[in-house]
Amino acid sequence: MIIGILLKIFIKKMKKQFYTIAEAADKTGISMSKIRFWEKEIPQLKPHRNEQQTRFYTIEDIELIKNIIFLQNNNLTLEGIREKLRSKNNFDDLSRKRQISDELNSIRDKLKGLLKLL
């Protein structure tokens, strides 16, 4: 019985390795149809598929989607996004820039909340 409880706790704490398209959309804040569109337009976005052709996204795929959103929010065209994502060095640099931007946006939101309290 204790082993069963410990196993359930362990499984809950393990990081998920694959996400459905609905989960990927939820994690990134965009629609499933937009993710499907980007799969056709961005060669690097290729989720795993099972025998039924169900899409399964890795955490790396989700990071890629977040980077695509970041580039799109910075007014890059699809061709510009494809070009930026071609190089591994660009991808790593882009991920760092996106994370810094996300942190700065979070700080800005918190500061706006504090201003409302004054």
C-alpha atoms as a PDB file:
ATOM      1  CA  MET A   1       0.000   0.000   0.000  1.00  0.00           C
ATOM      2  CA  ILE A   2       2.757   2.484   0.912  1.00  0.00           C
ATOM      3  CA  ILE A   3       4.636   1.536  -2.250  1.00  0.00           C
ATOM      4  CA  GLY A   4       1.517   2.320  -4.308  1.00  0.00           C
ATOM      5  CA  ILE A   5       1.167   5.738  -2.696  1.00  0.00           C
ATOM      6  CA  LEU A   6       4.846   6.507  -3.211  1.00  0.00           C
ATOM      7  CA  LEU A   7       4.617   5.397  -6.839  1.00  0.00           C
ATOM      8  CA  LYS A   8       1.653   7.735  -7.444  1.00  0.00           C
ATOM      9  CA  ILE A   9       3.559  10.647  -5.893  1.00  0.00           C
ATOM     10  CA  PHE A  10       6.632   9.839  -7.995  1.00  0.00           C
ATOM     11  CA  ILE A  11       4.592   9.690 -11.208  1.00  0.00           C
ATOM     12  CA  LYS A  12       2.930  13.033 -10.447  1.00  0.00           C
ATOM     13  CA  LYS A  13       6.304  14.674  -9.850  1.00  0.00           C
ATOM     14  CA  MET A  14       7.864  13.289 -13.019  1.00  0.00           C
ATOM     15  CA  LYS A  15       7.960  15.742 -15.889  1.00  0.00           C
ATOM     16  CA  LYS A  16       5.644  14.893 -18.680  1.00  0.00           C
ATOM     17  CA  GLN A  17       7.524  13.921 -21.818  1.00  0.00           C
ATOM     18  CA  PHE A  18       4.746  14.288 -24.388  1.00  0.00           C
ATOM     19  CA  TYR A  19       1.802  16.659 -24.653  1.00  0.00           C
ATOM     20  CA  THR A  20      -1.296  16.572 -26.845  1.00  0.00           C
ATOM     21  CA  ILE A  21      -2.020  19.445 -29.183  1.00  0.00           C
ATOM     22  CA  ALA A  22      -4.655  20.722 -26.731  1.00  0.00           C
ATOM     23  CA  GLU A  23      -2.086  20.729 -23.909  1.00  0.00           C
ATOM     24  CA  ALA A  24       0.490  22.438 -26.151  1.00  0.00           C
ATOM     25  CA  ALA A  25      -2.079  25.091 -27.088  1.00  0.00           C
ATOM     26  CA  ASP A  26      -2.917  25.600 -23.420  1.00  0.00           C
ATOM     27  CA  LYS A  27       0.756  25.897 -22.425  1.00  0.00           C
ATOM     28  CA  THR A  28       1.508  28.421 -25.183  1.00  0.00           C
ATOM     29  CA  GLY A  29      -1.740  30.386 -25.194  1.00  0.00           C
ATOM     30  CA  ILE A  30      -2.481  29.946 -28.885  1.00  0.00           C
ATOM     31  CA  SER A  31      -5.071  27.946 -30.775  1.00  0.00           C
ATOM     32  CA  MET A  32      -4.678  24.389 -31.967  1.00  0.00           C
ATOM     33  CA  SER A  33      -5.401  25.524 -35.528  1.00  0.00           C
ATOM     34  CA  LYS A  34      -2.512  28.008 -35.375  1.00  0.00           C
ATOM     35  CA  ILE A  35      -0.178  25.242 -34.170  1.00  0.00           C
ATOM     36  CA  ARG A  36      -1.338  23.031 -37.069  1.00  0.00           C
ATOM     37  CA  PHE A  37      -0.741  25.926 -39.473  1.00  0.00           C
ATOM     38  CA  TRP A  38       2.776  26.459 -38.150  1.00  0.00           C
ATOM     39  CA  GLU A  39       3.502  22.743 -38.542  1.00  0.00           C
ATOM     40  CA  LYS A  40       2.921  23.216 -42.279  1.00  0.00           C
ATOM     41  CA  GLU A  41       4.910  26.448 -42.491  1.00  0.00           C
ATOM     42  CA  ILE A  42       7.812  25.947 -40.062  1.00  0.00           C
ATOM     43  CA  PRO A  43       9.943  22.904 -40.966  1.00  0.00           C
ATOM     44  CA  GLN A  44      11.432  22.602 -37.459  1.00  0.00           C
ATOM     45  CA  LEU A  45       8.015  22.046 -35.860  1.00  0.00           C
ATOM     46  CA  LYS A  46       7.451  18.322 -36.350  1.00  0.00           C
ATOM     47  CA  PRO A  47       5.647  16.673 -33.436  1.00  0.00           C
ATOM     48  CA  HIS A  48       5.787  12.929 -32.899  1.00  0.00           C
ATOM     49  CA  ARG A  49       2.800  10.967 -34.165  1.00  0.00           C
ATOM     50  CA  ASN A  50       1.426   7.587 -33.201  1.00  0.00           C
ATOM     51  CA  GLU A  51      -0.216   5.012 -35.475  1.00  0.00           C
ATOM     52  CA  GLN A  52      -3.480   6.992 -35.428  1.00  0.00           C
ATOM     53  CA  GLN A  53      -1.523  10.122 -36.460  1.00  0.00           C
ATOM     54  CA  THR A  54      -2.244  11.824 -33.130  1.00  0.00           C
ATOM     55  CA  ARG A  55       0.274  14.593 -32.513  1.00  0.00           C
ATOM     56  CA  PHE A  56       2.491  14.474 -29.429  1.00  0.00           C
ATOM     57  CA  TYR A  57       4.668  17.460 -28.568  1.00  0.00           C
ATOM     58  CA  THR A  58       7.858  17.401 -26.522  1.00  0.00           C
ATOM     59  CA  ILE A  59       8.887  20.195 -24.184  1.00  0.00           C
ATOM     60  CA  GLU A  60      11.336  21.226 -26.934  1.00  0.00           C
ATOM     61  CA  ASP A  61       8.421  21.525 -29.387  1.00  0.00           C
ATOM     62  CA  ILE A  62       6.582  23.712 -26.896  1.00  0.00           C
ATOM     63  CA  GLU A  63       9.682  25.890 -26.474  1.00  0.00           C
ATOM     64  CA  LEU A  64       9.865  26.188 -30.265  1.00  0.00           C
ATOM     65  CA  ILE A  65       6.218  27.297 -30.390  1.00  0.00           C
ATOM     66  CA  LYS A  66       6.928  29.909 -27.712  1.00  0.00           C
ATOM     67  CA  ASN A  67       9.884  31.158 -29.763  1.00  0.00           C
ATOM     68  CA  ILE A  68       7.694  31.387 -32.875  1.00  0.00           C
ATOM     69  CA  ILE A  69       5.150  33.434 -30.891  1.00  0.00           C
ATOM     70  CA  PHE A  70       7.959  35.698 -29.650  1.00  0.00           C
ATOM     71  CA  LEU A  71       9.230  36.280 -33.191  1.00  0.00           C
ATOM     72  CA  GLN A  72       5.740  36.895 -34.509  1.00  0.00           C
ATOM     73  CA  ASN A  73       5.101  39.399 -31.712  1.00  0.00           C
ATOM     74  CA  ASN A  74       8.279  41.167 -32.842  1.00  0.00           C
ATOM     75  CA  ASN A  75       6.779  41.622 -36.318  1.00  0.00           C
ATOM     76  CA  LEU A  76       8.732  38.963 -38.192  1.00  0.00           C
ATOM     77  CA  THR A  77       7.102  37.441 -41.236  1.00  0.00           C
ATOM     78  CA  LEU A  78       6.856  33.677 -41.681  1.00  0.00           C
ATOM     79  CA  GLU A  79       9.927  33.800 -43.909  1.00  0.00           C
ATOM     80  CA  GLY A  80      11.771  35.825 -41.258  1.00  0.00           C
ATOM     81  CA  ILE A  81      10.771  33.305 -38.597  1.00  0.00           C
ATOM     82  CA  ARG A  82      11.975  30.395 -40.760  1.00  0.00           C
ATOM     83  CA  GLU A  83      15.302  32.162 -41.304  1.00  0.00           C
ATOM     84  CA  LYS A  84      15.812  32.864 -37.585  1.00  0.00           C
ATOM     85  CA  LEU A  85      15.075  29.253 -36.655  1.00  0.00           C
ATOM     86  CA  ARG A  86      17.450  27.673 -39.203  1.00  0.00           C
ATOM     87  CA  SER A  87      20.517  27.984 -36.986  1.00  0.00           C
ATOM     88  CA  LYS A  88      20.877  26.179 -33.634  1.00  0.00           C
ATOM     89  CA  ASN A  89      22.847  29.166 -32.288  1.00  0.00           C
ATOM     90  CA  ASN A  90      20.013  31.502 -33.254  1.00  0.00           C
ATOM     91  CA  PHE A  91      17.525  29.188 -31.547  1.00  0.00           C
ATOM     92  CA  ASP A  92      19.462  29.140 -28.262  1.00  0.00           C
ATOM     93  CA  ASP A  93      19.962  32.915 -28.374  1.00  0.00           C
ATOM     94  CA  LEU A  94      16.300  33.391 -29.225  1.00  0.00           C
ATOM     95  CA  SER A  95      15.221  31.204 -26.296  1.00  0.00           C
ATOM     96  CA  ARG A  96      17.302  33.323 -23.900  1.00  0.00           C
ATOM     97  CA  LYS A  97      15.896  36.560 -25.317  1.00  0.00           C
ATOM     98  CA  ARG A  98      12.335  35.232 -25.063  1.00  0.00           C
ATOM     99  CA  GLN A  99      12.850  34.174 -21.446  1.00  0.00           C
ATOM    100  CA  ILE A 100      14.292  37.582 -20.557  1.00  0.00           C
ATOM    101  CA  SER A 101      11.386  39.279 -22.315  1.00  0.00           C
ATOM    102  CA  ASP A 102       8.895  37.096 -20.429  1.00  0.00           C
ATOM    103  CA  GLU A 103      10.563  37.951 -17.107  1.00  0.00           C
ATOM    104  CA  LEU A 104      10.568  41.678 -17.901  1.00  0.00           C
ATOM    105  CA  ASN A 105       6.890  41.555 -18.875  1.00  0.00           C
ATOM    106  CA  SER A 106       6.101  39.810 -15.609  1.00  0.00           C
ATOM    107  CA  ILE A 107       7.996  42.473 -13.646  1.00  0.00           C
ATOM    108  CA  ARG A 108       6.194  45.230 -15.567  1.00  0.00           C
ATOM    109  CA  ASP A 109       2.824  43.661 -14.757  1.00  0.00           C
ATOM    110  CA  LYS A 110       3.727  43.459 -11.066  1.00  0.00           C
ATOM    111  CA  LEU A 111       4.833  47.090 -11.051  1.00  0.00           C
ATOM    112  CA  LYS A 112       1.566  48.133 -12.694  1.00  0.00           C
ATOM    113  CA  GLY A 113      -0.272  46.285  -9.943  1.00  0.00           C
ATOM    114  CA  LEU A 114       1.731  48.123  -7.297  1.00  0.00           C
ATOM    115  CA  LEU A 115       1.002  51.476  -8.949  1.00  0.00           C
ATOM    116  CA  LYS A 116      -2.714  50.786  -8.706  1.00  0.00           C
ATOM    117  CA  LEU A 117      -2.317  50.313  -4.956  1.00  0.00           C
ATOM    118  CA  LEU A 118      -0.741  53.759  -4.530  1.00  0.00           C
END
